[in-house]
Amino acid sequence: MRPMTLDLLEVSTDQFVTTLRMNRPPVNALVPELQEQLVETLNRLKDSEDTRVVILTSAIDRVFMAGADIKEMAAFDRENPSTLERVAQVSRRSQAAFTEIEHFAKPLIAAINGHALGGGCELALTCDYRFMVDDGRATIGQNETALGLIPGAGGTQRLPRLIGRGPASELIYEGARLKAPRAAAVGLVNAALPADGFAEAVMERARRLARMPPIALRLAKEAIIAGLERPPGKGYEVEAENFGRAAMTEDAMMGIMSFISKQEPEFKGK
């Protein structure tokens, strides 16, 4: 697919891997326009046969996303009684956008190539994988309390679900900013990768996923999310239904026969 540039997003596809590069200088501040472009682009990609895996990263050197536009927040009229609800609506819109991103039907990888703070951390939490550059400089965290705020795009919900209530409370309450090795140690990111060859290492992992059966990955992701979001027991129902659906695919037959014959399968997404 020919590279495509939107106002705030650069999109390119190669070997079933689509890379989205956020590009809103200077720090990719989280604004409605960027959220909308991310959601709209992922909605287009969900049915594309050319895309099996998506990498979300930044086109800006040393910054993944530095969170909300603080200057815009400073302009709020705190004396106006209607401001509280208006600001709450900003949070709700971000929550809705990030939930759509989290529910994207294909594997979504955050290639955190710089600071991921506040909304940037929350965006990374919507992804299935988080790989962070270990350059001695980049940090990740929910640092809103240092500004007298709290996370507003799902961070208070996704972070405890990912790393547990105790560690998440510590990070949120103290506004901690973790470098890659520490973030990996607490489970906030999957791996801390060296700066030299970072993009290539993430792409290699993405291409490995792109060689997997895409229907099975989609059904597995749906079951995982169901188990996290639905009442106890409902996730098992989705797992059973999706197990049956996966077993009926041509990819499943290909995988089984290739295993028996000790050959490398080539999955077609059917």
C-alpha atoms as a PDB file:
ATOM      1  CA  MET A   1       0.000   0.000   0.000  1.00  0.00           C
ATOM      2  CA  ARG A   2       1.287   3.464  -0.931  1.00  0.00           C
ATOM      3  CA  PRO A   3       2.201   5.577   2.126  1.00  0.00           C
ATOM      4  CA  MET A   4      -0.582   7.978   3.101  1.00  0.00           C
ATOM      5  CA  THR A   5      -0.329  11.132   5.187  1.00  0.00           C
ATOM      6  CA  LEU A   6      -3.275  12.587   7.100  1.00  0.00           C
ATOM      7  CA  ASP A   7      -3.123  15.871   8.988  1.00  0.00           C
ATOM      8  CA  LEU A   8      -1.725  14.285  12.147  1.00  0.00           C
ATOM      9  CA  LEU A   9      -1.047  10.694  11.139  1.00  0.00           C
ATOM     10  CA  GLU A  10       1.325   9.014   8.666  1.00  0.00           C
ATOM     11  CA  VAL A  11       0.151   5.615   7.435  1.00  0.00           C
ATOM     12  CA  SER A  12       2.190   2.989   5.553  1.00  0.00           C
ATOM     13  CA  THR A  13       1.775  -0.757   4.940  1.00  0.00           C
ATOM     14  CA  ASP A  14       4.345  -3.416   4.095  1.00  0.00           C
ATOM     15  CA  GLN A  15       4.051  -7.213   4.272  1.00  0.00           C
ATOM     16  CA  PHE A  16       0.684  -7.126   6.080  1.00  0.00           C
ATOM     17  CA  VAL A  17       2.001  -4.732   8.757  1.00  0.00           C
ATOM     18  CA  THR A  18       0.577  -1.202   8.839  1.00  0.00           C
ATOM     19  CA  THR A  19       2.479   1.473  10.740  1.00  0.00           C
ATOM     20  CA  LEU A  20       0.714   4.562  12.100  1.00  0.00           C
ATOM     21  CA  ARG A  21       3.054   7.419  13.003  1.00  0.00           C
ATOM     22  CA  MET A  22       1.533  10.209  15.057  1.00  0.00           C
ATOM     23  CA  ASN A  23       2.830  13.585  13.941  1.00  0.00           C
ATOM     24  CA  ARG A  24       1.554  16.589  15.879  1.00  0.00           C
ATOM     25  CA  PRO A  25       4.627  18.622  16.857  1.00  0.00           C
ATOM     26  CA  PRO A  26       6.071  19.349  19.217  1.00  0.00           C
ATOM     27  CA  VAL A  27       4.932  16.514  21.533  1.00  0.00           C
ATOM     28  CA  ASN A  28       1.867  14.807  19.985  1.00  0.00           C
ATOM     29  CA  ALA A  29      -0.390  16.421  22.576  1.00  0.00           C
ATOM     30  CA  LEU A  30      -3.664  14.507  22.832  1.00  0.00           C
ATOM     31  CA  VAL A  31      -6.343  16.549  21.070  1.00  0.00           C
ATOM     32  CA  PRO A  32      -9.730  15.476  19.650  1.00  0.00           C
ATOM     33  CA  GLU A  33      -8.460  15.691  16.058  1.00  0.00           C
ATOM     34  CA  LEU A  34      -5.685  13.165  16.731  1.00  0.00           C
ATOM     35  CA  GLN A  35      -8.061  10.831  18.556  1.00  0.00           C
ATOM     36  CA  GLU A  36     -10.518  11.014  15.650  1.00  0.00           C
ATOM     37  CA  GLN A  37      -7.858  10.287  13.042  1.00  0.00           C
ATOM     38  CA  LEU A  38      -6.632   7.275  15.011  1.00  0.00           C
ATOM     39  CA  VAL A  39     -10.148   5.853  15.364  1.00  0.00           C
ATOM     40  CA  GLU A  40     -11.115   6.541  11.752  1.00  0.00           C
ATOM     41  CA  THR A  41      -7.899   5.005  10.411  1.00  0.00           C
ATOM     42  CA  LEU A  42      -8.242   1.865  12.516  1.00  0.00           C
ATOM     43  CA  ASN A  43     -11.862   1.513  11.418  1.00  0.00           C
ATOM     44  CA  ARG A  44     -10.675   1.545   7.792  1.00  0.00           C
ATOM     45  CA  LEU A  45      -7.944  -0.987   8.509  1.00  0.00           C
ATOM     46  CA  LYS A  46     -10.093  -3.515  10.376  1.00  0.00           C
ATOM     47  CA  ASP A  47     -11.492  -4.947   7.123  1.00  0.00           C
ATOM     48  CA  SER A  48      -8.366  -4.485   5.000  1.00  0.00           C
ATOM     49  CA  GLU A  49      -6.893  -7.752   3.738  1.00  0.00           C
ATOM     50  CA  ASP A  50      -3.548  -5.961   3.390  1.00  0.00           C
ATOM     51  CA  THR A  51      -3.347  -5.327   7.156  1.00  0.00           C
ATOM     52  CA  ARG A  52      -2.986  -8.079   9.728  1.00  0.00           C
ATOM     53  CA  VAL A  53      -1.034  -6.183  12.412  1.00  0.00           C
ATOM     54  CA  VAL A  54      -0.797  -2.478  13.259  1.00  0.00           C
ATOM     55  CA  ILE A  55       2.144  -0.669  14.861  1.00  0.00           C
ATOM     56  CA  LEU A  56       1.353   2.621  16.583  1.00  0.00           C
ATOM     57  CA  THR A  57       4.342   4.911  17.058  1.00  0.00           C
ATOM     58  CA  SER A  58       5.491   8.522  16.742  1.00  0.00           C
ATOM     59  CA  ALA A  59       7.112  10.455  13.926  1.00  0.00           C
ATOM     60  CA  ILE A  60       8.533  12.908  16.480  1.00  0.00           C
ATOM     61  CA  ASP A  61      12.001  12.238  17.828  1.00  0.00           C
ATOM     62  CA  ARG A  62      12.086  11.131  21.486  1.00  0.00           C
ATOM     63  CA  VAL A  63       8.354  11.605  22.083  1.00  0.00           C
ATOM     64  CA  PHE A  64       5.612   9.000  21.751  1.00  0.00           C
ATOM     65  CA  MET A  65       2.897  11.190  23.257  1.00  0.00           C
ATOM     66  CA  ALA A  66       3.254  13.652  26.100  1.00  0.00           C
ATOM     67  CA  GLY A  67      -0.402  13.717  27.123  1.00  0.00           C
ATOM     68  CA  ALA A  68      -3.078  16.410  27.039  1.00  0.00           C
ATOM     69  CA  ASP A  69      -2.658  19.945  25.803  1.00  0.00           C
ATOM     70  CA  ILE A  70      -1.830  21.631  29.125  1.00  0.00           C
ATOM     71  CA  LYS A  71      -2.119  25.163  27.730  1.00  0.00           C
ATOM     72  CA  GLU A  72      -5.684  24.409  26.648  1.00  0.00           C
ATOM     73  CA  MET A  73      -6.512  23.072  30.114  1.00  0.00           C
ATOM     74  CA  ALA A  74      -5.072  26.197  31.737  1.00  0.00           C
ATOM     75  CA  ALA A  75      -7.648  28.258  29.850  1.00  0.00           C
ATOM     76  CA  PHE A  76     -10.649  26.581  31.509  1.00  0.00           C
ATOM     77  CA  ASP A  77     -13.051  29.031  33.164  1.00  0.00           C
ATOM     78  CA  ARG A  78     -13.143  27.537  36.651  1.00  0.00           C
ATOM     79  CA  GLU A  79     -15.609  30.153  37.872  1.00  0.00           C
ATOM     80  CA  ASN A  80     -18.273  28.966  35.437  1.00  0.00           C
ATOM     81  CA  PRO A  81     -20.486  26.209  36.958  1.00  0.00           C
ATOM     82  CA  SER A  82     -20.903  24.572  33.536  1.00  0.00           C
ATOM     83  CA  THR A  83     -17.160  24.057  33.119  1.00  0.00           C
ATOM     84  CA  LEU A  84     -17.076  20.941  35.305  1.00  0.00           C
ATOM     85  CA  GLU A  85     -19.477  19.063  33.036  1.00  0.00           C
ATOM     86  CA  ARG A  86     -17.733  20.331  29.918  1.00  0.00           C
ATOM     87  CA  VAL A  87     -14.371  19.063  31.180  1.00  0.00           C
ATOM     88  CA  ALA A  88     -15.939  15.745  32.215  1.00  0.00           C
ATOM     89  CA  GLN A  89     -17.219  15.418  28.645  1.00  0.00           C
ATOM     90  CA  VAL A  90     -13.658  15.820  27.375  1.00  0.00           C
ATOM     91  CA  SER A  91     -12.737  12.807  29.510  1.00  0.00           C
ATOM     92  CA  ARG A  92     -15.730  10.810  28.272  1.00  0.00           C
ATOM     93  CA  ARG A  93     -14.843  11.465  24.639  1.00  0.00           C
ATOM     94  CA  SER A  94     -11.266  10.307  25.217  1.00  0.00           C
ATOM     95  CA  GLN A  95     -12.503   7.236  27.071  1.00  0.00           C
ATOM     96  CA  ALA A  96     -14.832   6.364  24.173  1.00  0.00           C
ATOM     97  CA  ALA A  97     -12.098   6.866  21.565  1.00  0.00           C
ATOM     98  CA  PHE A  98      -9.569   4.811  23.506  1.00  0.00           C
ATOM     99  CA  THR A  99     -12.096   2.029  24.042  1.00  0.00           C
ATOM    100  CA  GLU A 100     -12.613   1.865  20.272  1.00  0.00           C
ATOM    101  CA  ILE A 101      -8.861   1.652  19.815  1.00  0.00           C
ATOM    102  CA  GLU A 102      -8.611  -1.087  22.455  1.00  0.00           C
ATOM    103  CA  HIS A 103     -11.329  -3.077  20.649  1.00  0.00           C
ATOM    104  CA  PHE A 104      -9.587  -2.875  17.263  1.00  0.00           C
ATOM    105  CA  ALA A 105      -9.994  -6.394  15.905  1.00  0.00           C
ATOM    106  CA  LYS A 106      -6.348  -7.028  14.987  1.00  0.00           C
ATOM    107  CA  PRO A 107      -3.129  -7.090  17.026  1.00  0.00           C
ATOM    108  CA  LEU A 108      -2.074  -3.553  17.938  1.00  0.00           C
ATOM    109  CA  ILE A 109       1.515  -2.856  18.980  1.00  0.00           C
ATOM    110  CA  ALA A 110       2.664   0.323  20.707  1.00  0.00           C
ATOM    111  CA  ALA A 111       6.241   1.113  19.669  1.00  0.00           C
ATOM    112  CA  ILE A 112       7.024   3.600  22.434  1.00  0.00           C
ATOM    113  CA  ASN A 113       9.973   5.446  20.931  1.00  0.00           C
ATOM    114  CA  GLY A 114      10.024   8.286  23.460  1.00  0.00           C
ATOM    115  CA  HIS A 115       8.157   9.784  26.401  1.00  0.00           C
ATOM    116  CA  ALA A 116       4.657   8.336  26.927  1.00  0.00           C
ATOM    117  CA  LEU A 117       3.104  10.403  29.689  1.00  0.00           C
ATOM    118  CA  GLY A 118      -0.481  10.946  30.811  1.00  0.00           C
ATOM    119  CA  GLY A 119      -2.637  10.381  27.757  1.00  0.00           C
ATOM    120  CA  GLY A 120       0.365   8.854  26.005  1.00  0.00           C
ATOM    121  CA  CYS A 121       0.583   6.143  28.646  1.00  0.00           C
ATOM    122  CA  GLU A 122      -3.186   5.660  28.439  1.00  0.00           C
ATOM    123  CA  LEU A 123      -2.989   5.271  24.665  1.00  0.00           C
ATOM    124  CA  ALA A 124      -0.242   2.669  25.035  1.00  0.00           C
ATOM    125  CA  LEU A 125      -2.442   0.783  27.529  1.00  0.00           C
ATOM    126  CA  THR A 126      -5.069   0.254  24.811  1.00  0.00           C
ATOM    127  CA  CYS A 127      -2.583  -1.787  22.773  1.00  0.00           C
ATOM    128  CA  ASP A 128      -1.993  -5.541  22.932  1.00  0.00           C
ATOM    129  CA  TYR A 129       1.792  -5.173  23.059  1.00  0.00           C
ATOM    130  CA  ARG A 130       3.945  -2.358  24.393  1.00  0.00           C
ATOM    131  CA  PHE A 131       7.615  -2.220  23.394  1.00  0.00           C
ATOM    132  CA  MET A 132       9.580   0.695  24.828  1.00  0.00           C
ATOM    133  CA  VAL A 133      12.903   2.142  23.744  1.00  0.00           C
ATOM    134  CA  ASP A 134      15.635   1.816  26.384  1.00  0.00           C
ATOM    135  CA  ASP A 135      17.661   4.914  25.585  1.00  0.00           C
ATOM    136  CA  GLY A 136      18.211   6.086  29.157  1.00  0.00           C
ATOM    137  CA  ARG A 137      15.906   9.025  28.545  1.00  0.00           C
ATOM    138  CA  ALA A 138      12.355   7.968  27.595  1.00  0.00           C
ATOM    139  CA  THR A 139       9.832   7.633  30.420  1.00  0.00           C
ATOM    140  CA  ILE A 140       6.291   6.335  30.745  1.00  0.00           C
ATOM    141  CA  GLY A 141       3.685   6.977  33.410  1.00  0.00           C
ATOM    142  CA  GLN A 142       0.431   8.478  34.602  1.00  0.00           C
ATOM    143  CA  ASN A 143       1.877  11.726  35.900  1.00  0.00           C
ATOM    144  CA  GLU A 144      -1.410  13.668  36.108  1.00  0.00           C
ATOM    145  CA  THR A 145      -1.435  13.930  39.912  1.00  0.00           C
ATOM    146  CA  ALA A 146       1.735  16.020  39.734  1.00  0.00           C
ATOM    147  CA  LEU A 147      -0.491  18.622  38.034  1.00  0.00           C
ATOM    148  CA  GLY A 148      -3.352  18.241  40.489  1.00  0.00           C
ATOM    149  CA  LEU A 149      -5.292  16.075  38.029  1.00  0.00           C
ATOM    150  CA  ILE A 150      -6.068  12.382  37.581  1.00  0.00           C
ATOM    151  CA  PRO A 151      -5.943  10.193  34.473  1.00  0.00           C
ATOM    152  CA  GLY A 152      -9.004  10.850  32.322  1.00  0.00           C
ATOM    153  CA  ALA A 153      -8.709   8.557  29.297  1.00  0.00           C
ATOM    154  CA  GLY A 154      -9.051   5.203  31.042  1.00  0.00           C
ATOM    155  CA  GLY A 155      -5.774   5.075  32.964  1.00  0.00           C
ATOM    156  CA  THR A 156      -7.387   4.458  36.375  1.00  0.00           C
ATOM    157  CA  GLN A 157      -9.136   1.422  34.877  1.00  0.00           C
ATOM    158  CA  ARG A 158      -6.623  -0.148  32.480  1.00  0.00           C
ATOM    159  CA  LEU A 159      -3.448   0.247  34.543  1.00  0.00           C
ATOM    160  CA  PRO A 160      -4.748  -1.676  37.624  1.00  0.00           C
ATOM    161  CA  ARG A 161      -6.152  -4.315  35.290  1.00  0.00           C
ATOM    162  CA  LEU A 162      -2.722  -4.697  33.692  1.00  0.00           C
ATOM    163  CA  ILE A 163      -0.293  -4.587  36.627  1.00  0.00           C
ATOM    164  CA  GLY A 164      -2.517  -4.948  39.698  1.00  0.00           C
ATOM    165  CA  ARG A 165      -4.137  -2.462  42.059  1.00  0.00           C
ATOM    166  CA  GLY A 166      -1.201  -1.943  44.414  1.00  0.00           C
ATOM    167  CA  PRO A 167       1.470  -1.149  41.813  1.00  0.00           C
ATOM    168  CA  ALA A 168      -1.003   0.902  39.744  1.00  0.00           C
ATOM    169  CA  SER A 169      -2.088   2.938  42.768  1.00  0.00           C
ATOM    170  CA  GLU A 170       1.535   3.698  43.571  1.00  0.00           C
ATOM    171  CA  LEU A 171       2.286   4.869  40.044  1.00  0.00           C
ATOM    172  CA  ILE A 172      -0.893   6.959  39.754  1.00  0.00           C
ATOM    173  CA  TYR A 173      -0.807   8.514  43.247  1.00  0.00           C
ATOM    174  CA  GLU A 174       2.863   9.459  42.994  1.00  0.00           C
ATOM    175  CA  GLY A 175       2.801  10.520  39.341  1.00  0.00           C
ATOM    176  CA  ALA A 176       5.774   8.258  38.736  1.00  0.00           C
ATOM    177  CA  ARG A 177       7.688   8.345  35.453  1.00  0.00           C
ATOM    178  CA  LEU A 178       9.407   5.036  34.736  1.00  0.00           C
ATOM    179  CA  LYS A 179      12.265   4.367  32.376  1.00  0.00           C
ATOM    180  CA  ALA A 180      12.009   1.317  30.134  1.00  0.00           C
ATOM    181  CA  PRO A 181      13.731  -1.320  32.327  1.00  0.00           C
ATOM    182  CA  ARG A 182      11.584  -0.460  35.359  1.00  0.00           C
ATOM    183  CA  ALA A 183       8.430  -0.303  33.235  1.00  0.00           C
ATOM    184  CA  ALA A 184       9.205  -3.783  31.932  1.00  0.00           C
ATOM    185  CA  ALA A 185       9.917  -5.064  35.444  1.00  0.00           C
ATOM    186  CA  VAL A 186       6.461  -4.033  36.723  1.00  0.00           C
ATOM    187  CA  GLY A 187       4.712  -5.321  33.604  1.00  0.00           C
ATOM    188  CA  LEU A 188       3.723  -1.945  32.200  1.00  0.00           C
ATOM    189  CA  VAL A 189       5.558  -2.744  28.953  1.00  0.00           C
ATOM    190  CA  ASN A 190       6.300  -6.124  27.398  1.00  0.00           C
ATOM    191  CA  ALA A 191       9.958  -5.392  26.782  1.00  0.00           C
ATOM    192  CA  ALA A 192      12.598  -2.680  26.960  1.00  0.00           C
ATOM    193  CA  LEU A 193      14.493  -2.685  23.657  1.00  0.00           C
ATOM    194  CA  PRO A 194      17.808  -1.003  22.809  1.00  0.00           C
ATOM    195  CA  ALA A 195      17.609   2.272  20.922  1.00  0.00           C
ATOM    196  CA  ASP A 196      19.872   0.897  18.219  1.00  0.00           C
ATOM    197  CA  GLY A 197      17.591  -1.175  16.007  1.00  0.00           C
ATOM    198  CA  PHE A 198      14.431  -0.418  18.013  1.00  0.00           C
ATOM    199  CA  ALA A 199      12.115   0.074  15.028  1.00  0.00           C
ATOM    200  CA  GLU A 200      13.509  -2.998  13.287  1.00  0.00           C
ATOM    201  CA  ALA A 201      13.029  -5.167  16.387  1.00  0.00           C
ATOM    202  CA  VAL A 202       9.389  -4.070  16.721  1.00  0.00           C
ATOM    203  CA  MET A 203       8.795  -4.676  12.999  1.00  0.00           C
ATOM    204  CA  GLU A 204      10.280  -8.173  13.263  1.00  0.00           C
ATOM    205  CA  ARG A 205       7.832  -9.000  16.046  1.00  0.00           C
ATOM    206  CA  ALA A 206       4.953  -7.533  14.030  1.00  0.00           C
ATOM    207  CA  ARG A 207       5.855  -9.594  10.974  1.00  0.00           C
ATOM    208  CA  ARG A 208       5.985 -12.703  13.124  1.00  0.00           C
ATOM    209  CA  LEU A 209       2.418 -11.962  14.218  1.00  0.00           C
ATOM    210  CA  ALA A 210       1.406 -11.230  10.619  1.00  0.00           C
ATOM    211  CA  ARG A 211       2.399 -14.786   9.707  1.00  0.00           C
ATOM    212  CA  MET A 212      -0.036 -16.166  12.275  1.00  0.00           C
ATOM    213  CA  PRO A 213      -3.641 -17.056  11.297  1.00  0.00           C
ATOM    214  CA  PRO A 214      -5.455 -13.686  11.335  1.00  0.00           C
ATOM    215  CA  ILE A 215      -8.913 -15.079  12.105  1.00  0.00           C
ATOM    216  CA  ALA A 216      -7.597 -16.966  15.125  1.00  0.00           C
ATOM    217  CA  LEU A 217      -5.857 -13.835  16.414  1.00  0.00           C
ATOM    218  CA  ARG A 218      -9.036 -11.777  16.016  1.00  0.00           C
ATOM    219  CA  LEU A 219     -11.153 -14.369  17.826  1.00  0.00           C
ATOM    220  CA  ALA A 220      -8.569 -14.736  20.601  1.00  0.00           C
ATOM    221  CA  LYS A 221      -8.445 -10.969  21.133  1.00  0.00           C
ATOM    222  CA  GLU A 222     -12.239 -10.798  21.300  1.00  0.00           C
ATOM    223  CA  ALA A 223     -12.284 -13.534  23.954  1.00  0.00           C
ATOM    224  CA  ILE A 224      -9.516 -11.896  26.010  1.00  0.00           C
ATOM    225  CA  ILE A 225     -11.330  -8.553  26.083  1.00  0.00           C
ATOM    226  CA  ALA A 226     -14.633 -10.257  26.920  1.00  0.00           C
ATOM    227  CA  GLY A 227     -13.029 -11.940  29.914  1.00  0.00           C
ATOM    228  CA  LEU A 228     -11.665  -8.632  31.166  1.00  0.00           C
ATOM    229  CA  GLU A 229     -14.793  -6.547  30.647  1.00  0.00           C
ATOM    230  CA  ARG A 230     -17.787  -8.824  31.100  1.00  0.00           C
ATOM    231  CA  PRO A 231     -19.176 -10.339  34.312  1.00  0.00           C
ATOM    232  CA  PRO A 232     -17.420 -13.487  35.592  1.00  0.00           C
ATOM    233  CA  GLY A 233     -18.151 -16.492  33.396  1.00  0.00           C
ATOM    234  CA  LYS A 234     -19.170 -14.560  30.290  1.00  0.00           C
ATOM    235  CA  GLY A 235     -15.638 -14.657  28.945  1.00  0.00           C
ATOM    236  CA  TYR A 236     -15.769 -18.447  28.947  1.00  0.00           C
ATOM    237  CA  GLU A 237     -18.878 -18.325  26.767  1.00  0.00           C
ATOM    238  CA  VAL A 238     -17.137 -16.110  24.223  1.00  0.00           C
ATOM    239  CA  GLU A 239     -14.056 -18.341  24.333  1.00  0.00           C
ATOM    240  CA  ALA A 240     -16.120 -21.462  23.614  1.00  0.00           C
ATOM    241  CA  GLU A 241     -18.022 -19.815  20.753  1.00  0.00           C
ATOM    242  CA  ASN A 242     -14.835 -18.427  19.219  1.00  0.00           C
ATOM    243  CA  PHE A 243     -13.032 -21.756  19.640  1.00  0.00           C
ATOM    244  CA  GLY A 244     -15.766 -23.323  17.524  1.00  0.00           C
ATOM    245  CA  ARG A 245     -15.586 -20.539  14.934  1.00  0.00           C
ATOM    246  CA  ALA A 246     -11.798 -20.823  14.697  1.00  0.00           C
ATOM    247  CA  ALA A 247     -11.953 -24.612  14.289  1.00  0.00           C
ATOM    248  CA  MET A 248     -14.169 -24.219  11.212  1.00  0.00           C
ATOM    249  CA  THR A 249     -11.679 -22.068   9.285  1.00  0.00           C
ATOM    250  CA  GLU A 250      -9.420 -23.131   6.440  1.00  0.00           C
ATOM    251  CA  ASP A 251      -6.502 -21.725   8.442  1.00  0.00           C
ATOM    252  CA  ALA A 252      -7.202 -24.212  11.237  1.00  0.00           C
ATOM    253  CA  MET A 253      -7.134 -27.095   8.781  1.00  0.00           C
ATOM    254  CA  MET A 254      -3.918 -25.727   7.294  1.00  0.00           C
ATOM    255  CA  GLY A 255      -2.341 -25.419  10.736  1.00  0.00           C
ATOM    256  CA  ILE A 256      -3.372 -28.910  11.801  1.00  0.00           C
ATOM    257  CA  MET A 257      -2.268 -30.610   8.568  1.00  0.00           C
ATOM    258  CA  SER A 258       1.010 -28.676   8.529  1.00  0.00           C
ATOM    259  CA  PHE A 259       1.680 -29.780  12.112  1.00  0.00           C
ATOM    260  CA  ILE A 260       1.027 -33.403  11.219  1.00  0.00           C
ATOM    261  CA  SER A 261       3.191 -33.244   8.089  1.00  0.00           C
ATOM    262  CA  LYS A 262       5.860 -31.149   9.862  1.00  0.00           C
ATOM    263  CA  GLN A 263       5.651 -28.355   7.323  1.00  0.00           C
ATOM    264  CA  GLU A 264       5.512 -24.583   7.736  1.00  0.00           C
ATOM    265  CA  PRO A 265       1.895 -23.358   7.363  1.00  0.00           C
ATOM    266  CA  GLU A 266       0.932 -20.433   5.148  1.00  0.00           C
ATOM    267  CA  PHE A 267      -2.202 -18.893   6.565  1.00  0.00           C
ATOM    268  CA  LYS A 268      -4.623 -17.214   4.144  1.00  0.00           C
ATOM    269  CA  GLY A 269      -7.060 -15.593   6.579  1.00  0.00           C
ATOM    270  CA  LYS A 270      -9.942 -17.831   5.541  1.00  0.00           C
END
